[in-house]
Amino acid sequence: MAATIIAGVFQSERFFRETWPTISQALEPEAGARGAVRWIVGVAGLKPGARVLDAPCGFGRHAVALARLGYKVTGVDFNETELGRAREAARAAGVVADFVSADMRDTDFASEFNLAVNLEQSIGYFTDDEDRQLIDRFWRALVPGGAFVLDTRNRDQCVKSLPPEERRQFDDWTLRIENLFDAATSRWRARWFRLASSAPAPREAGELLGETDIRLYSAHELAAMLRPERWSRVDLYGGLDGTPFSLDAPRLVLVARK
């Protein structure tokens, strides 16, 4: 892989470099990845020993699950803390996986993988042009006949059901998220707060952890960004379990074949 650092700072970068590693494992339990990986492997028709690219890989829950199944996995992420956890998870599982420190916008793989995955709402944090270029990089990374799986939030469902505030309770603290969706730009902005378990109820309570800003794409927008002339087939699903896609599906999953 040759990579030239050209990617610029994006609006949510500080959150994902500094805040996300402190909460990611609480929000994304490792066990939840196994069922998703089994479905991905099936829909992609992966053969034993196939090569898989997971970008961004975070702390490696999908990458390690794929490696457990015998696939040759390369995970890419720009967060060294998360990469360290991914490497440790692979060691603990007794599997081999290659974890690369890089911004996924700067990767330059060419015809190396049978499957590439971009999971957990990892597109939309950049400019529209950068998102298009990122998808092009996944296309280049695949061998002919390879599959690309992109998983993100369903914009149409989000427009109808995004609450102004969300709370997640953990053992000794509560995560509070203030949400704002701008229909004019299709951008979802969120402010993340940490509340002690004994914190009072007012909205003002809590430590501000960070802020995120993501562009949510509709199904037809993402399908167009894949440049149909490059892909032999693109299928839509409503989750990483094969749920049919609909306006009310919480997720938007694209499975594209090169």
Protein backbone atom coordinates (compact mmCIF):
# COMPACT_ATOMS: atom_id res chain seq x y z
CA MET A 1 0.00 0.00 0.00
CA ALA A 2 1.27 3.42 -0.94
CA ALA A 3 -0.31 6.31 0.91
CA THR A 4 0.31 10.01 0.63
CA ILE A 5 -1.16 12.09 3.43
CA ILE A 6 -3.42 14.50 1.59
CA ALA A 7 -6.65 14.29 3.57
CA GLY A 8 -7.60 17.47 5.35
CA VAL A 9 -8.99 17.84 8.85
CA PHE A 10 -12.71 17.14 8.95
CA GLN A 11 -15.24 18.67 11.32
CA SER A 12 -15.66 15.63 13.58
CA GLU A 13 -12.00 14.61 13.59
CA ARG A 14 -11.24 15.77 17.12
CA PHE A 15 -14.19 13.76 18.44
CA PHE A 16 -13.00 10.57 16.77
CA ARG A 17 -9.38 11.06 17.77
CA GLU A 18 -9.94 12.06 21.40
CA THR A 19 -13.47 11.19 22.56
CA TRP A 20 -14.55 8.13 20.60
CA PRO A 21 -11.90 5.77 22.06
CA THR A 22 -13.27 6.51 25.55
CA ILE A 23 -16.78 5.31 24.69
CA SER A 24 -16.53 3.09 21.59
CA GLN A 25 -16.33 -0.25 23.36
CA ALA A 26 -19.32 0.59 25.53
CA LEU A 27 -21.41 1.61 22.51
CA GLU A 28 -20.29 -1.17 20.16
CA PRO A 29 -19.97 -4.49 22.02
CA GLU A 30 -17.79 -7.03 20.25
CA ALA A 31 -20.44 -9.76 20.34
CA GLY A 32 -22.73 -7.72 18.09
CA ALA A 33 -20.27 -8.00 15.21
CA ARG A 34 -20.39 -11.76 14.81
CA GLY A 35 -23.88 -12.02 13.37
CA ALA A 36 -23.22 -9.10 11.03
CA VAL A 37 -20.00 -10.70 9.81
CA ARG A 38 -21.72 -14.02 9.11
CA TRP A 39 -24.32 -12.23 6.98
CA ILE A 40 -21.68 -10.17 5.15
CA VAL A 41 -19.63 -13.27 4.35
CA GLY A 42 -22.72 -14.99 2.99
CA VAL A 43 -24.00 -12.13 0.85
CA ALA A 44 -20.51 -11.53 -0.53
CA GLY A 45 -20.03 -15.22 -1.32
CA LEU A 46 -16.54 -15.21 0.19
CA LYS A 47 -14.38 -18.24 -0.39
CA PRO A 48 -12.01 -19.64 2.27
CA GLY A 49 -8.84 -17.61 2.63
CA ALA A 50 -10.25 -14.54 0.89
CA ARG A 51 -8.68 -11.14 1.55
CA VAL A 52 -10.79 -8.52 3.34
CA LEU A 53 -10.34 -4.77 3.87
CA ASP A 54 -12.07 -3.20 6.88
CA ALA A 55 -11.83 0.60 6.86
CA PRO A 56 -12.19 2.18 9.30
CA CYS A 57 -11.72 -0.79 11.58
CA GLY A 58 -11.92 0.91 14.99
CA PHE A 59 -11.00 -1.45 17.81
CA GLY A 60 -11.30 -4.40 15.46
CA ARG A 61 -14.54 -6.09 16.36
CA HIS A 62 -15.48 -6.88 12.73
CA ALA A 63 -11.88 -7.45 11.63
CA VAL A 64 -11.25 -9.98 14.39
CA ALA A 65 -14.57 -11.72 13.74
CA LEU A 66 -13.59 -12.06 10.07
CA ALA A 67 -10.12 -13.32 10.99
CA ARG A 68 -11.72 -15.95 13.26
CA LEU A 69 -13.40 -17.32 10.14
CA GLY A 70 -10.04 -17.73 8.44
CA TYR A 71 -10.02 -14.67 6.21
CA LYS A 72 -6.91 -12.56 5.61
CA VAL A 73 -7.91 -9.22 7.07
CA THR A 74 -6.40 -5.76 6.76
CA GLY A 75 -7.87 -3.12 9.06
CA VAL A 76 -7.25 0.60 8.54
CA ASP A 77 -7.85 3.35 11.08
CA PHE A 78 -6.31 6.71 11.97
CA ASN A 79 -6.74 6.28 15.72
CA GLU A 80 -3.72 4.66 17.37
CA THR A 81 -5.63 3.88 20.57
CA GLU A 82 -8.25 1.92 18.66
CA LEU A 83 -5.59 0.17 16.57
CA GLY A 84 -3.79 -0.91 19.74
CA ARG A 85 -7.02 -2.44 21.01
CA ALA A 86 -7.58 -4.16 17.67
CA ARG A 87 -4.12 -5.72 17.74
CA GLU A 88 -4.63 -6.88 21.32
CA ALA A 89 -8.06 -8.34 20.44
CA ALA A 90 -6.49 -10.30 17.58
CA ARG A 91 -3.76 -11.63 19.88
CA ALA A 92 -6.32 -12.61 22.51
CA ALA A 93 -8.39 -14.42 19.87
CA GLY A 94 -5.34 -16.21 18.53
CA VAL A 95 -5.80 -14.86 15.01
CA VAL A 96 -3.63 -12.94 12.58
CA ALA A 97 -4.75 -9.62 11.12
CA ASP A 98 -2.85 -6.66 9.71
CA PHE A 99 -3.76 -3.29 11.22
CA VAL A 100 -2.58 -0.19 9.38
CA SER A 101 -2.39 3.34 10.79
CA ALA A 102 -3.77 5.63 8.08
CA ASP A 103 -6.63 7.91 7.16
CA MET A 104 -8.82 5.77 4.92
CA ARG A 105 -9.04 8.67 2.45
CA ASP A 106 -5.30 8.27 1.83
CA THR A 107 -5.13 4.53 1.18
CA ASP A 108 -4.07 3.39 -2.27
CA PHE A 109 -4.72 -0.34 -2.52
CA ALA A 110 -5.07 -1.76 -6.03
CA SER A 111 -6.90 -5.01 -6.85
CA GLU A 112 -5.90 -6.63 -3.55
CA PHE A 113 -9.14 -7.62 -1.80
CA ASN A 114 -12.11 -9.89 -2.39
CA LEU A 115 -14.24 -7.89 0.04
CA ALA A 116 -14.10 -4.34 1.39
CA VAL A 117 -16.34 -3.07 4.18
CA ASN A 118 -17.14 0.42 5.45
CA LEU A 119 -19.36 -0.11 8.48
CA GLU A 120 -21.07 1.67 11.35
CA GLN A 121 -21.86 4.99 9.69
CA SER A 122 -18.34 5.87 8.65
CA ILE A 123 -19.14 7.84 5.50
CA GLY A 124 -20.53 11.38 5.45
CA TYR A 125 -18.08 13.05 7.81
CA PHE A 126 -16.14 14.49 4.88
CA THR A 127 -17.11 16.67 1.93
CA ASP A 128 -19.29 15.14 -0.78
CA ASP A 129 -16.30 15.06 -3.14
CA GLU A 130 -14.14 13.31 -0.54
CA ASP A 131 -16.88 10.75 0.04
CA ARG A 132 -17.03 10.04 -3.71
CA GLN A 133 -13.26 9.67 -3.84
CA LEU A 134 -13.35 7.36 -0.82
CA ILE A 135 -15.84 5.07 -2.55
CA ASP A 136 -13.59 5.11 -5.63
CA ARG A 137 -10.70 3.95 -3.43
CA PHE A 138 -12.74 0.99 -2.22
CA TRP A 139 -13.51 0.13 -5.86
CA ARG A 140 -9.82 0.23 -6.76
CA ALA A 141 -8.95 -1.93 -3.75
CA LEU A 142 -11.11 -4.81 -4.99
CA VAL A 143 -10.24 -7.55 -7.43
CA PRO A 144 -12.69 -8.00 -10.34
CA GLY A 145 -15.79 -9.67 -8.93
CA GLY A 146 -15.02 -8.40 -5.42
CA ALA A 147 -17.78 -7.10 -3.13
CA PHE A 148 -18.11 -3.80 -1.26
CA VAL A 149 -20.42 -3.49 1.75
CA LEU A 150 -21.31 -0.01 3.00
CA ASP A 151 -23.41 0.36 6.16
CA THR A 152 -24.78 3.69 7.37
CA ARG A 153 -27.83 5.34 8.92
CA ASN A 154 -30.96 5.48 6.75
CA ARG A 155 -31.52 9.18 6.11
CA ASP A 156 -35.25 8.81 5.44
CA GLN A 157 -35.88 7.00 8.71
CA CYS A 158 -33.69 9.50 10.56
CA VAL A 159 -35.69 12.46 9.23
CA LYS A 160 -38.88 10.98 10.67
CA SER A 161 -37.67 9.55 13.95
CA LEU A 162 -34.47 11.24 15.19
CA PRO A 163 -35.24 12.35 18.76
CA PRO A 164 -33.96 15.71 20.02
CA GLU A 165 -32.21 13.85 22.83
CA GLU A 166 -30.98 10.30 23.39
CA ARG A 167 -29.68 8.66 26.55
CA ARG A 168 -27.71 5.46 27.08
CA GLN A 169 -27.24 4.15 30.58
CA PHE A 170 -24.01 2.36 31.52
CA ASP A 171 -22.85 0.97 34.85
CA ASP A 172 -21.84 4.22 36.51
CA TRP A 173 -22.60 6.90 33.95
CA THR A 174 -25.10 8.04 31.35
CA LEU A 175 -24.41 9.17 27.80
CA ARG A 176 -26.65 12.02 26.65
CA ILE A 177 -26.73 13.06 22.99
CA GLU A 178 -28.38 16.24 21.75
CA ASN A 179 -29.44 15.82 18.11
CA LEU A 180 -30.19 18.34 15.39
CA PHE A 181 -30.99 17.39 11.79
CA ASP A 182 -30.75 20.10 9.15
CA ALA A 183 -33.13 19.10 6.35
CA ALA A 184 -31.66 21.72 4.01
CA THR A 185 -28.18 20.17 4.09
CA SER A 186 -29.01 16.61 5.23
CA ARG A 187 -26.49 17.04 8.04
CA TRP A 188 -26.98 15.50 11.46
CA ARG A 189 -25.20 17.39 14.20
CA ALA A 190 -24.85 15.93 17.67
CA ARG A 191 -23.41 17.05 21.00
CA TRP A 192 -22.27 14.26 23.30
CA PHE A 193 -22.37 14.61 27.10
CA ARG A 194 -21.27 12.37 29.94
CA LEU A 195 -23.48 12.39 33.05
CA ALA A 196 -22.60 10.83 36.37
CA SER A 197 -25.18 8.28 37.49
CA SER A 198 -26.14 10.65 40.30
CA ALA A 199 -26.46 13.69 38.01
CA PRO A 200 -29.66 15.73 38.17
CA ALA A 201 -32.13 15.70 35.29
CA PRO A 202 -31.68 19.16 33.69
CA ARG A 203 -30.37 19.29 30.12
CA GLU A 204 -27.48 21.47 31.23
CA ALA A 205 -26.04 18.73 33.42
CA GLY A 206 -23.02 16.82 32.22
CA GLU A 207 -19.55 17.10 30.76
CA LEU A 208 -19.41 17.91 27.05
CA LEU A 209 -17.42 15.09 25.44
CA GLY A 210 -17.47 16.39 21.90
CA GLU A 211 -19.50 17.15 18.80
CA THR A 212 -20.10 15.31 15.54
CA ASP A 213 -21.36 16.45 12.16
CA ILE A 214 -22.30 13.90 9.49
CA ARG A 215 -23.93 14.15 6.08
CA LEU A 216 -26.64 11.51 5.74
CA TYR A 217 -27.20 10.29 2.20
CA SER A 218 -30.41 8.90 0.78
CA ALA A 219 -30.31 5.51 -0.91
CA HIS A 220 -30.40 6.96 -4.41
CA GLU A 221 -27.64 9.48 -3.58
CA LEU A 222 -25.30 6.78 -2.33
CA ALA A 223 -26.12 4.48 -5.22
CA ALA A 224 -25.24 7.31 -7.64
CA MET A 225 -21.98 7.98 -5.78
CA LEU A 226 -20.97 4.39 -6.46
CA ARG A 227 -20.92 5.32 -10.17
CA PRO A 228 -23.10 2.55 -11.64
CA GLU A 229 -20.85 2.12 -14.67
CA ARG A 230 -18.14 0.75 -12.35
CA TRP A 231 -20.24 -1.83 -10.53
CA SER A 232 -21.97 -4.82 -12.06
CA ARG A 233 -24.66 -4.91 -9.37
CA VAL A 234 -25.79 -2.89 -6.35
CA ASP A 235 -28.31 -4.26 -3.83
CA LEU A 236 -29.93 -2.43 -0.91
CA TYR A 237 -30.73 -3.81 2.54
CA GLY A 238 -32.14 -2.37 5.74
CA GLY A 239 -29.55 -3.91 8.06
CA LEU A 240 -26.56 -6.22 8.32
CA ASP A 241 -28.93 -9.17 8.62
CA GLY A 242 -30.59 -9.03 5.21
CA THR A 243 -33.61 -7.02 6.33
CA PRO A 244 -35.32 -5.56 3.24
CA PHE A 245 -34.63 -1.87 2.73
CA SER A 246 -37.55 0.52 3.28
CA LEU A 247 -38.13 4.12 4.34
CA ASP A 248 -38.56 2.85 7.90
CA ALA A 249 -35.44 0.67 8.05
CA PRO A 250 -32.96 2.05 10.61
CA ARG A 251 -29.95 1.24 8.44
CA LEU A 252 -28.99 1.63 4.80
CA VAL A 253 -26.70 -1.15 3.58
CA LEU A 254 -25.36 -1.22 0.03
CA VAL A 255 -23.77 -4.38 -1.34
CA ALA A 256 -21.95 -3.65 -4.59
CA ARG A 257 -20.17 -6.07 -6.88
CA LYS A 258 -17.19 -4.92 -8.96
